[in-house]
Every structure is written in structure tokens, then in C-alpha cells.
């Protein structure tokens, strides 16, 4: 199962990197979100896929589930949603101000403004 997870993580990173290389700003935002989802999956799989008891250690418990990866993934989800929301607002505001979301055109306008 870990092999399938590693392949899915690699695919998510590959798709995310491909999308961040696109020319439109919205695809860059979606690409970074896909990379973040790959990181979520990597955090979940870092805890292992073992089945055990509840994460409370009492006398006589030999096998228990580690709660740290689950806490990390919850924190990462909140941070990921916050970053995605900020990127979407920033992309929308850029589109409102500049009238385009094409990165090449935005770069050309910036260079023209500095000359």
C-alpha cells in the first residue's frame, strides 16, 4: 500500500509542477494546491499504515496508533486552505487591475513600466 501511496504522491507533485509552469495565473494557483495535496498525502503516509488501538497509552497496551501525523495533517490542511484562498484573492485582484491573467503579458507590462 505504501508503494501505491508513493506513486500517487509523485503523480500529484508532477501534475502540480506541470500546472505551475503554465502561462495563466489561475493554473499556477491550482498547481500549487495540487502540490499541497501531495504534501498532505505524504504527511499521512509518514505515520505508517499500521492499525492499532486508540492513541492513549495505558497499562497493557502493546500497539497503538501514533496521533502526531494526524495532528500535523489537520494543521497543514488549515494552512493550505489559507494559502490557496490568499492566492485566489491575489490572482483576482491582479486580473482586476491588469485586465489579464497571462503571466507573459504581465511580465511585459512590468518591464515596460520600469523603462
PDB file of N, CA and C in Angstrom:
ATOM      1  N   UNK A   1       0.810  -1.194   0.000  1.00  0.00           N
ATOM      2  CA  UNK A   1       0.000   0.000   0.000  1.00  0.00           C
ATOM      3  C   UNK A   1       0.856   1.262   0.000  1.00  0.00           C
ATOM      4  N   UNK A   2       2.023   1.198   0.670  1.00  0.00           N
ATOM      5  CA  UNK A   2       2.900   2.365   0.695  1.00  0.00           C
ATOM      6  C   UNK A   2       3.446   2.684  -0.692  1.00  0.00           C
ATOM      7  N   UNK A   3       3.633   1.650  -1.513  1.00  0.00           N
ATOM      8  CA  UNK A   3       4.130   1.874  -2.873  1.00  0.00           C
ATOM      9  C   UNK A   3       3.103   2.636  -3.700  1.00  0.00           C
ATOM     10  N   UNK A   4       1.847   2.265  -3.573  1.00  0.00           N
ATOM     11  CA  UNK A   4       0.789   2.977  -4.295  1.00  0.00           C
ATOM     12  C   UNK A   4       0.715   4.425  -3.823  1.00  0.00           C
ATOM     13  N   UNK A   5       0.831   4.619  -2.532  1.00  0.00           N
ATOM     14  CA  UNK A   5       0.824   5.980  -1.989  1.00  0.00           C
ATOM     15  C   UNK A   5       1.982   6.806  -2.505  1.00  0.00           C
ATOM     16  N   UNK A   6       3.165   6.211  -2.581  1.00  0.00           N
ATOM     17  CA  UNK A   6       4.329   6.937  -3.094  1.00  0.00           C
ATOM     18  C   UNK A   6       4.150   7.296  -4.563  1.00  0.00           C
ATOM     19  N   UNK A   7       3.547   6.399  -5.329  1.00  0.00           N
ATOM     20  CA  UNK A   7       3.296   6.689  -6.746  1.00  0.00           C
ATOM     21  C   UNK A   7       2.281   7.820  -6.882  1.00  0.00           C
ATOM     22  N   UNK A   8       1.232   7.797  -6.066  1.00  0.00           N
ATOM     23  CA  UNK A   8       0.222   8.858  -6.117  1.00  0.00           C
ATOM     24  C   UNK A   8       0.825  10.192  -5.697  1.00  0.00           C
ATOM     25  N   UNK A   9       1.684  10.197  -4.677  1.00  0.00           N
ATOM     26  CA  UNK A   9       2.354  11.431  -4.261  1.00  0.00           C
ATOM     27  C   UNK A   9       3.216  11.969  -5.396  1.00  0.00           C
ATOM     28  N   UNK A  10       3.965  11.089  -6.061  1.00  0.00           N
ATOM     29  CA  UNK A  10       4.786  11.508  -7.188  1.00  0.00           C
ATOM     30  C   UNK A  10       3.956  12.077  -8.324  1.00  0.00           C
ATOM     31  N   UNK A  11       2.810  11.448  -8.595  1.00  0.00           N
ATOM     32  CA  UNK A  11       1.925  11.961  -9.647  1.00  0.00           C
ATOM     33  C   UNK A  11       1.349  13.322  -9.282  1.00  0.00           C
ATOM     34  N   UNK A  12       0.955  13.488  -8.018  1.00  0.00           N
ATOM     35  CA  UNK A  12       0.432  14.784  -7.598  1.00  0.00           C
ATOM     36  C   UNK A  12       1.489  15.877  -7.719  1.00  0.00           C
ATOM     37  N   UNK A  13       2.713  15.575  -7.315  1.00  0.00           N
ATOM     38  CA  UNK A  13       3.785  16.556  -7.460  1.00  0.00           C
ATOM     39  C   UNK A  13       4.062  16.858  -8.929  1.00  0.00           C
ATOM     40  N   UNK A  14       4.052  15.829  -9.778  1.00  0.00           N
ATOM     41  CA  UNK A  14       4.321  16.041 -11.204  1.00  0.00           C
ATOM     42  C   UNK A  14       3.234  16.891 -11.846  1.00  0.00           C
ATOM     43  N   UNK A  15       1.968  16.586 -11.557  1.00  0.00           N
ATOM     44  CA  UNK A  15       0.870  17.379 -12.111  1.00  0.00           C
ATOM     45  C   UNK A  15       0.923  18.811 -11.584  1.00  0.00           C
ATOM     46  N   UNK A  16       1.212  18.958 -10.301  1.00  0.00           N
ATOM     47  CA  UNK A  16       1.300  20.298  -9.723  1.00  0.00           C
ATOM     48  C   UNK A  16       2.422  21.118 -10.330  1.00  0.00           C
ATOM     49  N   UNK A  17       3.585  20.498 -10.520  1.00  0.00           N
ATOM     50  CA  UNK A  17       4.698  21.226 -11.136  1.00  0.00           C
ATOM     51  C   UNK A  17       4.399  21.583 -12.585  1.00  0.00           C
ATOM     52  N   UNK A  18       3.738  20.667 -13.299  1.00  0.00           N
ATOM     53  CA  UNK A  18       3.360  20.961 -14.681  1.00  0.00           C
ATOM     54  C   UNK A  18       2.401  22.155 -14.737  1.00  0.00           C
ATOM     55  N   UNK A  19       1.447  22.180 -13.827  1.00  0.00           N
ATOM     56  CA  UNK A  19       0.480  23.279 -13.843  1.00  0.00           C
ATOM     57  C   UNK A  19       1.092  24.601 -13.418  1.00  0.00           C
ATOM     58  N   UNK A  20       2.084  24.571 -12.535  1.00  0.00           N
ATOM     59  CA  UNK A  20       2.720  25.831 -12.145  1.00  0.00           C
ATOM     60  C   UNK A  20       3.590  26.395 -13.254  1.00  0.00           C
ATOM     61  N   UNK A  21       3.909  25.601 -14.265  1.00  0.00           N
ATOM     62  CA  UNK A  21       4.687  26.087 -15.404  1.00  0.00           C
ATOM     63  C   UNK A  21       3.808  26.660 -16.520  1.00  0.00           C
ATOM     64  N   UNK A  22       2.500  26.694 -16.319  1.00  0.00           N
ATOM     65  CA  UNK A  22       1.584  27.201 -17.338  1.00  0.00           C
ATOM     66  C   UNK A  22       1.614  28.722 -17.374  1.00  0.00           C
ATOM     67  N   UNK A  23       0.954  29.297 -18.375  1.00  0.00           N
ATOM     68  CA  UNK A  23       1.010  30.743 -18.584  1.00  0.00           C
ATOM     69  C   UNK A  23      -0.094  31.515 -17.881  1.00  0.00           C
ATOM     70  N   UNK A  24      -1.138  30.847 -17.427  1.00  0.00           N
ATOM     71  CA  UNK A  24      -2.219  31.589 -16.780  1.00  0.00           C
ATOM     72  C   UNK A  24      -2.078  31.511 -15.262  1.00  0.00           C
ATOM     73  N   UNK A  25      -2.480  32.578 -14.619  1.00  0.00           N
ATOM     74  CA  UNK A  25      -2.303  32.703 -13.181  1.00  0.00           C
ATOM     75  C   UNK A  25      -3.173  31.714 -12.409  1.00  0.00           C
ATOM     76  N   UNK A  26      -4.379  31.449 -12.907  1.00  0.00           N
ATOM     77  CA  UNK A  26      -5.269  30.528 -12.214  1.00  0.00           C
ATOM     78  C   UNK A  26      -4.713  29.106 -12.220  1.00  0.00           C
ATOM     79  N   UNK A  27      -4.075  28.695 -13.316  1.00  0.00           N
ATOM     80  CA  UNK A  27      -3.468  27.364 -13.356  1.00  0.00           C
ATOM     81  C   UNK A  27      -2.297  27.250 -12.398  1.00  0.00           C
ATOM     82  N   UNK A  28      -1.585  28.329 -12.193  1.00  0.00           N
ATOM     83  CA  UNK A  28      -0.488  28.323 -11.227  1.00  0.00           C
ATOM     84  C   UNK A  28      -1.039  28.125  -9.817  1.00  0.00           C
ATOM     85  N   UNK A  29      -2.145  28.789  -9.514  1.00  0.00           N
ATOM     86  CA  UNK A  29      -2.768  28.635  -8.195  1.00  0.00           C
ATOM     87  C   UNK A  29      -3.263  27.204  -7.997  1.00  0.00           C
ATOM     88  N   UNK A  30      -3.902  26.635  -9.001  1.00  0.00           N
ATOM     89  CA  UNK A  30      -4.388  25.254  -8.902  1.00  0.00           C
ATOM     90  C   UNK A  30      -3.210  24.286  -8.790  1.00  0.00           C
ATOM     91  N   UNK A  31      -2.121  24.561  -9.513  1.00  0.00           N
ATOM     92  CA  UNK A  31      -0.934  23.712  -9.435  1.00  0.00           C
ATOM     93  C   UNK A  31      -0.314  23.699  -8.051  1.00  0.00           C
ATOM     94  N   UNK A  32      -0.242  24.862  -7.422  1.00  0.00           N
ATOM     95  CA  UNK A  32       0.301  24.888  -6.057  1.00  0.00           C
ATOM     96  C   UNK A  32      -0.630  24.165  -5.086  1.00  0.00           C
ATOM     97  N   UNK A  33      -1.935  24.236  -5.331  1.00  0.00           N
ATOM     98  CA  UNK A  33      -2.867  23.493  -4.475  1.00  0.00           C
ATOM     99  C   UNK A  33      -2.682  21.988  -4.637  1.00  0.00           C
ATOM    100  N   UNK A  34      -2.436  21.538  -5.852  1.00  0.00           N
ATOM    101  CA  UNK A  34      -2.211  20.104  -6.082  1.00  0.00           C
ATOM    102  C   UNK A  34      -0.922  19.653  -5.391  1.00  0.00           C
ATOM    103  N   UNK A  35       0.108  20.489  -5.424  1.00  0.00           N
ATOM    104  CA  UNK A  35       1.347  20.157  -4.713  1.00  0.00           C
ATOM    105  C   UNK A  35       1.095  20.065  -3.211  1.00  0.00           C
ATOM    106  N   UNK A  36       0.265  20.965  -2.687  1.00  0.00           N
ATOM    107  CA  UNK A  36      -0.073  20.936  -1.262  1.00  0.00           C
ATOM    108  C   UNK A  36      -0.816  19.642  -0.926  1.00  0.00           C
ATOM    109  N   UNK A  37      -1.719  19.190  -1.819  1.00  0.00           N
ATOM    110  CA  UNK A  37      -2.426  17.934  -1.570  1.00  0.00           C
ATOM    111  C   UNK A  37      -1.464  16.748  -1.575  1.00  0.00           C
ATOM    112  N   UNK A  38      -0.449  16.796  -2.421  1.00  0.00           N
ATOM    113  CA  UNK A  38       0.577  15.767  -2.395  1.00  0.00           C
ATOM    114  C   UNK A  38       1.331  15.760  -1.072  1.00  0.00           C
ATOM    115  N   UNK A  39       1.575  16.943  -0.535  1.00  0.00           N
ATOM    116  CA  UNK A  39       2.235  17.036   0.770  1.00  0.00           C
ATOM    117  C   UNK A  39       1.342  16.485   1.881  1.00  0.00           C
ATOM    118  N   UNK A  40       0.035  16.729   1.773  1.00  0.00           N
ATOM    119  CA  UNK A  40      -0.898  16.159   2.757  1.00  0.00           C
ATOM    120  C   UNK A  40      -0.798  14.639   2.761  1.00  0.00           C
ATOM    121  N   UNK A  41      -0.812  14.066   1.579  1.00  0.00           N
ATOM    122  CA  UNK A  41      -0.737  12.611   1.476  1.00  0.00           C
ATOM    123  C   UNK A  41       0.603  12.095   2.004  1.00  0.00           C
ATOM    124  N   UNK A  42       1.676  12.838   1.760  1.00  0.00           N
ATOM    125  CA  UNK A  42       2.983  12.424   2.281  1.00  0.00           C
ATOM    126  C   UNK A  42       3.000  12.462   3.808  1.00  0.00           C
ATOM    127  N   UNK A  43       2.353  13.468   4.393  1.00  0.00           N
ATOM    128  CA  UNK A  43       2.281  13.536   5.853  1.00  0.00           C
ATOM    129  C   UNK A  43       1.476  12.370   6.426  1.00  0.00           C
ATOM    130  N   UNK A  44       0.376  12.042   5.785  1.00  0.00           N
ATOM    131  CA  UNK A  44      -0.445  10.923   6.272  1.00  0.00           C
ATOM    132  C   UNK A  44       0.333   9.616   6.187  1.00  0.00           C
ATOM    133  N   UNK A  45       1.036   9.409   5.074  1.00  0.00           N
ATOM    134  CA  UNK A  45       1.770   8.150   4.919  1.00  0.00           C
ATOM    135  C   UNK A  45       3.027   8.092   5.772  1.00  0.00           C
ATOM    136  N   UNK A  46       3.498   9.239   6.262  1.00  0.00           N
ATOM    137  CA  UNK A  46       4.685   9.215   7.118  1.00  0.00           C
ATOM    138  C   UNK A  46       4.405   8.525   8.450  1.00  0.00           C
ATOM    139  N   UNK A  47       3.152   8.519   8.861  1.00  0.00           N
ATOM    140  CA  UNK A  47       2.783   7.857  10.102  1.00  0.00           C
ATOM    141  C   UNK A  47       2.661   6.351   9.963  1.00  0.00           C
ATOM    142  N   UNK A  48       2.741   5.863   8.747  1.00  0.00           N
ATOM    143  CA  UNK A  48       2.596   4.425   8.519  1.00  0.00           C
ATOM    144  C   UNK A  48       1.137   4.042   8.401  1.00  0.00           C
ATOM    145  N   UNK A  49       0.919   2.868   7.884  1.00  0.00           N
ATOM    146  CA  UNK A  49      -0.441   2.376   7.709  1.00  0.00           C
ATOM    147  C   UNK A  49      -0.763   1.256   8.692  1.00  0.00           C
ATOM    148  N   UNK A  50      -0.194   1.347   9.883  1.00  0.00           N
ATOM    149  CA  UNK A  50      -0.453   0.310  10.878  1.00  0.00           C
ATOM    150  C   UNK A  50      -1.787   0.558  11.565  1.00  0.00           C
ATOM    151  N   UNK A  51      -2.425  -0.537  11.929  1.00  0.00           N
ATOM    152  CA  UNK A  51      -3.679  -0.449  12.661  1.00  0.00           C
ATOM    153  C   UNK A  51      -3.387  -0.776  14.106  1.00  0.00           C
ATOM    154  N   UNK A  52      -3.924   0.022  14.969  1.00  0.00           N
ATOM    155  CA  UNK A  52      -3.685  -0.218  16.376  1.00  0.00           C
ATOM    156  C   UNK A  52      -4.841   0.287  17.202  1.00  0.00           C
ATOM    157  N   UNK A  53      -4.586   0.392  18.470  1.00  0.00           N
ATOM    158  CA  UNK A  53      -5.612   0.860  19.389  1.00  0.00           C
ATOM    159  C   UNK A  53      -5.662   2.385  19.357  1.00  0.00           C
ATOM    160  N   UNK A  54      -6.466   2.929  20.212  1.00  0.00           N
ATOM    161  CA  UNK A  54      -6.574   4.383  20.305  1.00  0.00           C
ATOM    162  C   UNK A  54      -5.247   4.966  20.780  1.00  0.00           C
ATOM    163  N   UNK A  55      -4.961   6.227  20.486  1.00  0.00           N
ATOM    164  CA  UNK A  55      -3.659   6.799  20.852  1.00  0.00           C
ATOM    165  C   UNK A  55      -3.550   7.194  22.318  1.00  0.00           C
ATOM    166  N   UNK A  56      -4.032   6.341  23.203  1.00  0.00           N
ATOM    167  CA  UNK A  56      -3.913   6.570  24.639  1.00  0.00           C
ATOM    168  C   UNK A  56      -3.123   5.403  25.206  1.00  0.00           C
ATOM    169  N   UNK A  57      -2.014   5.715  25.831  1.00  0.00           N
ATOM    170  CA  UNK A  57      -1.161   4.661  26.363  1.00  0.00           C
ATOM    171  C   UNK A  57      -1.575   4.377  27.808  1.00  0.00           C
ATOM    172  N   UNK A  58      -2.015   3.174  28.033  1.00  0.00           N
ATOM    173  CA  UNK A  58      -2.353   2.714  29.383  1.00  0.00           C
ATOM    174  C   UNK A  58      -1.621   1.392  29.620  1.00  0.00           C
ATOM    175  N   UNK A  59      -1.668   0.908  30.810  1.00  0.00           N
ATOM    176  CA  UNK A  59      -1.004  -0.353  31.121  1.00  0.00           C
ATOM    177  C   UNK A  59      -1.617  -1.494  30.321  1.00  0.00           C
ATOM    178  N   UNK A  60      -0.758  -2.269  29.697  1.00  0.00           N
ATOM    179  CA  UNK A  60      -1.201  -3.437  28.962  1.00  0.00           C
ATOM    180  C   UNK A  60      -1.384  -3.217  27.466  1.00  0.00           C
ATOM    181  N   UNK A  61      -1.334  -1.994  27.001  1.00  0.00           N
ATOM    182  CA  UNK A  61      -1.490  -1.723  25.568  1.00  0.00           C
ATOM    183  C   UNK A  61      -0.135  -1.915  24.901  1.00  0.00           C
ATOM    184  N   UNK A  62      -0.091  -2.797  23.914  1.00  0.00           N
ATOM    185  CA  UNK A  62       1.155  -3.086  23.212  1.00  0.00           C
ATOM    186  C   UNK A  62       1.267  -2.321  21.895  1.00  0.00           C
ATOM    187  N   UNK A  63       0.147  -2.123  21.211  1.00  0.00           N
ATOM    188  CA  UNK A  63       0.171  -1.473  19.910  1.00  0.00           C
ATOM    189  C   UNK A  63      -0.845  -0.332  19.908  1.00  0.00           C
ATOM    190  N   UNK A  64      -0.393   0.840  19.521  1.00  0.00           N
ATOM    191  CA  UNK A  64      -1.289   1.994  19.462  1.00  0.00           C
ATOM    192  C   UNK A  64      -0.956   2.814  18.216  1.00  0.00           C
ATOM    193  N   UNK A  65      -1.878   3.642  17.814  1.00  0.00           N
ATOM    194  CA  UNK A  65      -1.719   4.480  16.636  1.00  0.00           C
ATOM    195  C   UNK A  65      -1.075   5.800  17.044  1.00  0.00           C
ATOM    196  N   UNK A  66      -0.100   6.236  16.249  1.00  0.00           N
ATOM    197  CA  UNK A  66       0.594   7.487  16.533  1.00  0.00           C
ATOM    198  C   UNK A  66      -0.298   8.669  16.136  1.00  0.00           C
ATOM    199  N   UNK A  67      -0.626   9.578  17.057  1.00  0.00           N
ATOM    200  CA  UNK A  67      -1.523  10.686  16.729  1.00  0.00           C
ATOM    201  C   UNK A  67      -0.825  11.883  16.086  1.00  0.00           C
ATOM    202  N   UNK A  68       0.489  11.921  16.070  1.00  0.00           N
ATOM    203  CA  UNK A  68       1.207  13.093  15.574  1.00  0.00           C
ATOM    204  C   UNK A  68       0.963  13.355  14.083  1.00  0.00           C
ATOM    205  N   UNK A  69       1.028  12.358  13.191  1.00  0.00           N
ATOM    206  CA  UNK A  69       0.748  12.657  11.776  1.00  0.00           C
ATOM    207  C   UNK A  69      -0.658  13.212  11.536  1.00  0.00           C
ATOM    208  N   UNK A  70      -1.615  12.764  12.312  1.00  0.00           N
ATOM    209  CA  UNK A  70      -2.981  13.259  12.152  1.00  0.00           C
ATOM    210  C   UNK A  70      -3.080  14.717  12.600  1.00  0.00           C
ATOM    211  N   UNK A  71      -2.400  15.055  13.669  1.00  0.00           N
ATOM    212  CA  UNK A  71      -2.392  16.452  14.107  1.00  0.00           C
ATOM    213  C   UNK A  71      -1.660  17.332  13.099  1.00  0.00           C
ATOM    214  N   UNK A  72      -0.566  16.825  12.545  1.00  0.00           N
ATOM    215  CA  UNK A  72       0.166  17.589  11.536  1.00  0.00           C
ATOM    216  C   UNK A  72      -0.668  17.816  10.284  1.00  0.00           C
ATOM    217  N   UNK A  73      -1.409  16.811   9.859  1.00  0.00           N
ATOM    218  CA  UNK A  73      -2.197  16.956   8.643  1.00  0.00           C
ATOM    219  C   UNK A  73      -3.345  17.927   8.859  1.00  0.00           C
ATOM    220  N   UNK A  74      -3.951  17.942  10.023  1.00  0.00           N
ATOM    221  CA  UNK A  74      -5.006  18.917  10.286  1.00  0.00           C
ATOM    222  C   UNK A  74      -4.466  20.344  10.241  1.00  0.00           C
ATOM    223  N   UNK A  75      -3.304  20.547  10.816  1.00  0.00           N
ATOM    224  CA  UNK A  75      -2.676  21.870  10.757  1.00  0.00           C
ATOM    225  C   UNK A  75      -2.312  22.231   9.328  1.00  0.00           C
ATOM    226  N   UNK A  76      -1.791  21.275   8.579  1.00  0.00           N
ATOM    227  CA  UNK A  76      -1.401  21.538   7.196  1.00  0.00           C
ATOM    228  C   UNK A  76      -2.607  21.841   6.318  1.00  0.00           C
ATOM    229  N   UNK A  77      -3.737  21.202   6.573  1.00  0.00           N
ATOM    230  CA  UNK A  77      -4.948  21.480   5.798  1.00  0.00           C
ATOM    231  C   UNK A  77      -5.403  22.913   6.014  1.00  0.00           C
ATOM    232  N   UNK A  78      -5.400  23.359   7.249  1.00  0.00           N
ATOM    233  CA  UNK A  78      -5.813  24.738   7.540  1.00  0.00           C
ATOM    234  C   UNK A  78      -4.862  25.735   6.880  1.00  0.00           C
ATOM    235  N   UNK A  79      -3.573  25.504   6.989  1.00  0.00           N
ATOM    236  CA  UNK A  79      -2.601  26.403   6.367  1.00  0.00           C
ATOM    237  C   UNK A  79      -2.723  26.358   4.843  1.00  0.00           C
ATOM    238  N   UNK A  80      -2.920  25.175   4.282  1.00  0.00           N
ATOM    239  CA  UNK A  80      -3.075  25.042   2.835  1.00  0.00           C
ATOM    240  C   UNK A  80      -4.290  25.779   2.309  1.00  0.00           C
ATOM    241  N   UNK A  81      -5.421  25.679   3.004  1.00  0.00           N
ATOM    242  CA  UNK A  81      -6.613  26.401   2.582  1.00  0.00           C
ATOM    243  C   UNK A  81      -6.406  27.903   2.694  1.00  0.00           C
ATOM    244  N   UNK A  82      -5.729  28.339   3.727  1.00  0.00           N
ATOM    245  CA  UNK A  82      -5.450  29.771   3.879  1.00  0.00           C
ATOM    246  C   UNK A  82      -4.576  30.300   2.758  1.00  0.00           C
ATOM    247  N   UNK A  83      -3.542  29.550   2.410  1.00  0.00           N
ATOM    248  CA  UNK A  83      -2.647  29.971   1.328  1.00  0.00           C
ATOM    249  C   UNK A  83      -3.378  29.962  -0.009  1.00  0.00           C
ATOM    250  N   UNK A  84      -4.203  28.936  -0.258  1.00  0.00           N
ATOM    251  CA  UNK A  84      -4.954  28.872  -1.509  1.00  0.00           C
ATOM    252  C   UNK A  84      -5.940  30.034  -1.604  1.00  0.00           C
ATOM    253  N   UNK A  85      -6.620  30.340  -0.523  1.00  0.00           N
ATOM    254  CA  UNK A  85      -7.535  31.480  -0.520  1.00  0.00           C
ATOM    255  C   UNK A  85      -6.814  32.787  -0.797  1.00  0.00           C
ATOM    256  N   UNK A  86      -5.654  32.975  -0.176  1.00  0.00           N
ATOM    257  CA  UNK A  86      -4.874  34.188  -0.414  1.00  0.00           C
ATOM    258  C   UNK A  86      -4.413  34.274  -1.867  1.00  0.00           C
ATOM    259  N   UNK A  87      -3.972  33.158  -2.429  1.00  0.00           N
ATOM    260  CA  UNK A  87      -3.537  33.155  -3.827  1.00  0.00           C
ATOM    261  C   UNK A  87      -4.692  33.477  -4.765  1.00  0.00           C
ATOM    262  N   UNK A  88      -5.878  32.941  -4.482  1.00  0.00           N
ATOM    263  CA  UNK A  88      -7.030  33.225  -5.328  1.00  0.00           C
ATOM    264  C   UNK A  88      -7.420  34.697  -5.266  1.00  0.00           C
ATOM    265  N   UNK A  89      -7.408  35.274  -4.087  1.00  0.00           N
ATOM    266  CA  UNK A  89      -7.725  36.702  -3.952  1.00  0.00           C
ATOM    267  C   UNK A  89      -6.672  37.552  -4.651  1.00  0.00           C
ATOM    268  N   UNK A  90      -5.416  37.184  -4.507  1.00  0.00           N
ATOM    269  CA  UNK A  90      -4.345  37.929  -5.164  1.00  0.00           C
ATOM    270  C   UNK A  90      -4.447  37.814  -6.682  1.00  0.00           C
ATOM    271  N   UNK A  91      -4.778  36.635  -7.198  1.00  0.00           N
ATOM    272  CA  UNK A  91      -4.941  36.457  -8.640  1.00  0.00           C
ATOM    273  C   UNK A  91      -6.141  37.250  -9.152  1.00  0.00           C
ATOM    274  N   UNK A  92      -7.228  37.251  -8.404  1.00  0.00           N
ATOM    275  CA  UNK A  92      -8.411  38.007  -8.814  1.00  0.00           C
ATOM    276  C   UNK A  92      -8.123  39.506  -8.828  1.00  0.00           C
ATOM    277  N   UNK A  93      -7.422  39.973  -7.816  1.00  0.00           N
ATOM    278  CA  UNK A  93      -7.084  41.400  -7.758  1.00  0.00           C
ATOM    279  C   UNK A  93      -6.126  41.785  -8.888  1.00  0.00           C
ATOM    280  N   UNK A  94      -5.200  40.909  -9.205  1.00  0.00           N
ATOM    281  CA  UNK A  94      -4.293  41.162 -10.332  1.00  0.00           C
ATOM    282  C   UNK A  94      -5.069  41.222 -11.630  1.00  0.00           C
ATOM    283  N   UNK A  95      -6.031  40.334 -11.798  1.00  0.00           N
ATOM    284  CA  UNK A  95      -6.852  40.353 -13.006  1.00  0.00           C
ATOM    285  C   UNK A  95      -7.685  41.633 -13.084  1.00  0.00           C
ATOM    286  N   UNK A  96      -8.211  42.095 -11.954  1.00  0.00           N
ATOM    287  CA  UNK A  96      -8.989  43.334 -11.939  1.00  0.00           C
ATOM    288  C   UNK A  96      -8.127  44.536 -12.322  1.00  0.00           C
ATOM    289  N   UNK A  97      -6.933  44.598 -11.783  1.00  0.00           N
ATOM    290  CA  UNK A  97      -6.070  45.754 -12.029  1.00  0.00           C
ATOM    291  C   UNK A  97      -5.457  45.744 -13.427  1.00  0.00           C
ATOM    292  N   UNK A  98      -5.029  44.577 -13.885  1.00  0.00           N
ATOM    293  CA  UNK A  98      -4.285  44.482 -15.141  1.00  0.00           C
ATOM    294  C   UNK A  98      -5.151  44.077 -16.334  1.00  0.00           C
ATOM    295  N   UNK A  99      -6.291  43.453 -16.075  1.00  0.00           N
ATOM    296  CA  UNK A  99      -7.161  43.042 -17.164  1.00  0.00           C
ATOM    297  C   UNK A  99      -6.754  41.751 -17.842  1.00  0.00           C
ATOM    298  N   UNK A 100      -5.771  41.060 -17.321  1.00  0.00           N
ATOM    299  CA  UNK A 100      -5.335  39.798 -17.892  1.00  0.00           C
ATOM    300  C   UNK A 100      -4.768  38.911 -16.791  1.00  0.00           C
ATOM    301  N   UNK A 101      -4.755  37.599 -17.070  1.00  0.00           N
ATOM    302  CA  UNK A 101      -4.109  36.669 -16.147  1.00  0.00           C
ATOM    303  C   UNK A 101      -2.974  35.915 -16.826  1.00  0.00           C
ATOM    304  N   UNK A 102      -2.573  36.370 -18.011  1.00  0.00           N
ATOM    305  CA  UNK A 102      -1.456  35.764 -18.732  1.00  0.00           C
ATOM    306  C   UNK A 102      -0.143  36.261 -18.130  1.00  0.00           C
ATOM    307  N   UNK A 103       0.693  35.341 -17.689  1.00  0.00           N
ATOM    308  CA  UNK A 103       1.921  35.725 -16.996  1.00  0.00           C
ATOM    309  C   UNK A 103       2.926  36.400 -17.920  1.00  0.00           C
ATOM    310  N   UNK A 104       2.978  35.995 -19.185  1.00  0.00           N
ATOM    311  CA  UNK A 104       3.892  36.660 -20.116  1.00  0.00           C
ATOM    312  C   UNK A 104       3.494  38.108 -20.342  1.00  0.00           C
ATOM    313  N   UNK A 105       2.204  38.341 -20.486  1.00  0.00           N
ATOM    314  CA  UNK A 105       1.733  39.714 -20.680  1.00  0.00           C
ATOM    315  C   UNK A 105       1.965  40.558 -19.428  1.00  0.00           C
ATOM    316  N   UNK A 106       1.759  39.978 -18.267  1.00  0.00           N
ATOM    317  CA  UNK A 106       2.028  40.708 -17.018  1.00  0.00           C
ATOM    318  C   UNK A 106       3.511  41.049 -16.900  1.00  0.00           C
ATOM    319  N   UNK A 107       4.379  40.115 -17.305  1.00  0.00           N
ATOM    320  CA  UNK A 107       5.814  40.361 -17.259  1.00  0.00           C
ATOM    321  C   UNK A 107       6.198  41.476 -18.234  1.00  0.00           C
ATOM    322  N   UNK A 108       5.614  41.474 -19.421  1.00  0.00           N
ATOM    323  CA  UNK A 108       5.903  42.531 -20.404  1.00  0.00           C
ATOM    324  C   UNK A 108       5.440  43.887 -19.910  1.00  0.00           C
ATOM    325  N   UNK A 109       4.285  43.950 -19.243  1.00  0.00           N
ATOM    326  CA  UNK A 109       3.807  45.229 -18.702  1.00  0.00           C
ATOM    327  C   UNK A 109       4.722  45.725 -17.590  1.00  0.00           C
ATOM    328  N   UNK A 110       5.237  44.811 -16.779  1.00  0.00           N
ATOM    329  CA  UNK A 110       6.147  45.204 -15.700  1.00  0.00           C
ATOM    330  C   UNK A 110       7.449  45.753 -16.264  1.00  0.00           C
ATOM    331  N   UNK A 111       7.984  45.090 -17.283  1.00  0.00           N
ATOM    332  CA  UNK A 111       9.220  45.563 -17.913  1.00  0.00           C
ATOM    333  C   UNK A 111       9.012  46.912 -18.580  1.00  0.00           C
ATOM    334  N   UNK A 112       7.858  47.111 -19.207  1.00  0.00           N
ATOM    335  CA  UNK A 112       7.565  48.397 -19.843  1.00  0.00           C
ATOM    336  C   UNK A 112       7.414  49.501 -18.812  1.00  0.00           C
ATOM    337  N   UNK A 113       6.905  49.162 -17.643  1.00  0.00           N
ATOM    338  CA  UNK A 113       6.732  50.176 -16.593  1.00  0.00           C
ATOM    339  C   UNK A 113       8.064  50.608 -16.006  1.00  0.00           C
ATOM    340  N   UNK A 114       9.065  49.718 -16.006  1.00  0.00           N
ATOM    341  CA  UNK A 114      10.375  50.054 -15.450  1.00  0.00           C
ATOM    342  C   UNK A 114      11.258  50.830 -16.416  1.00  0.00           C
ATOM    343  N   UNK A 115      10.882  50.854 -17.683  1.00  0.00           N
ATOM    344  CA  UNK A 115      11.712  51.557 -18.671  1.00  0.00           C
ATOM    345  C   UNK A 115      11.406  53.015 -18.759  1.00  0.00           C
TER     346      UNK A 115
END
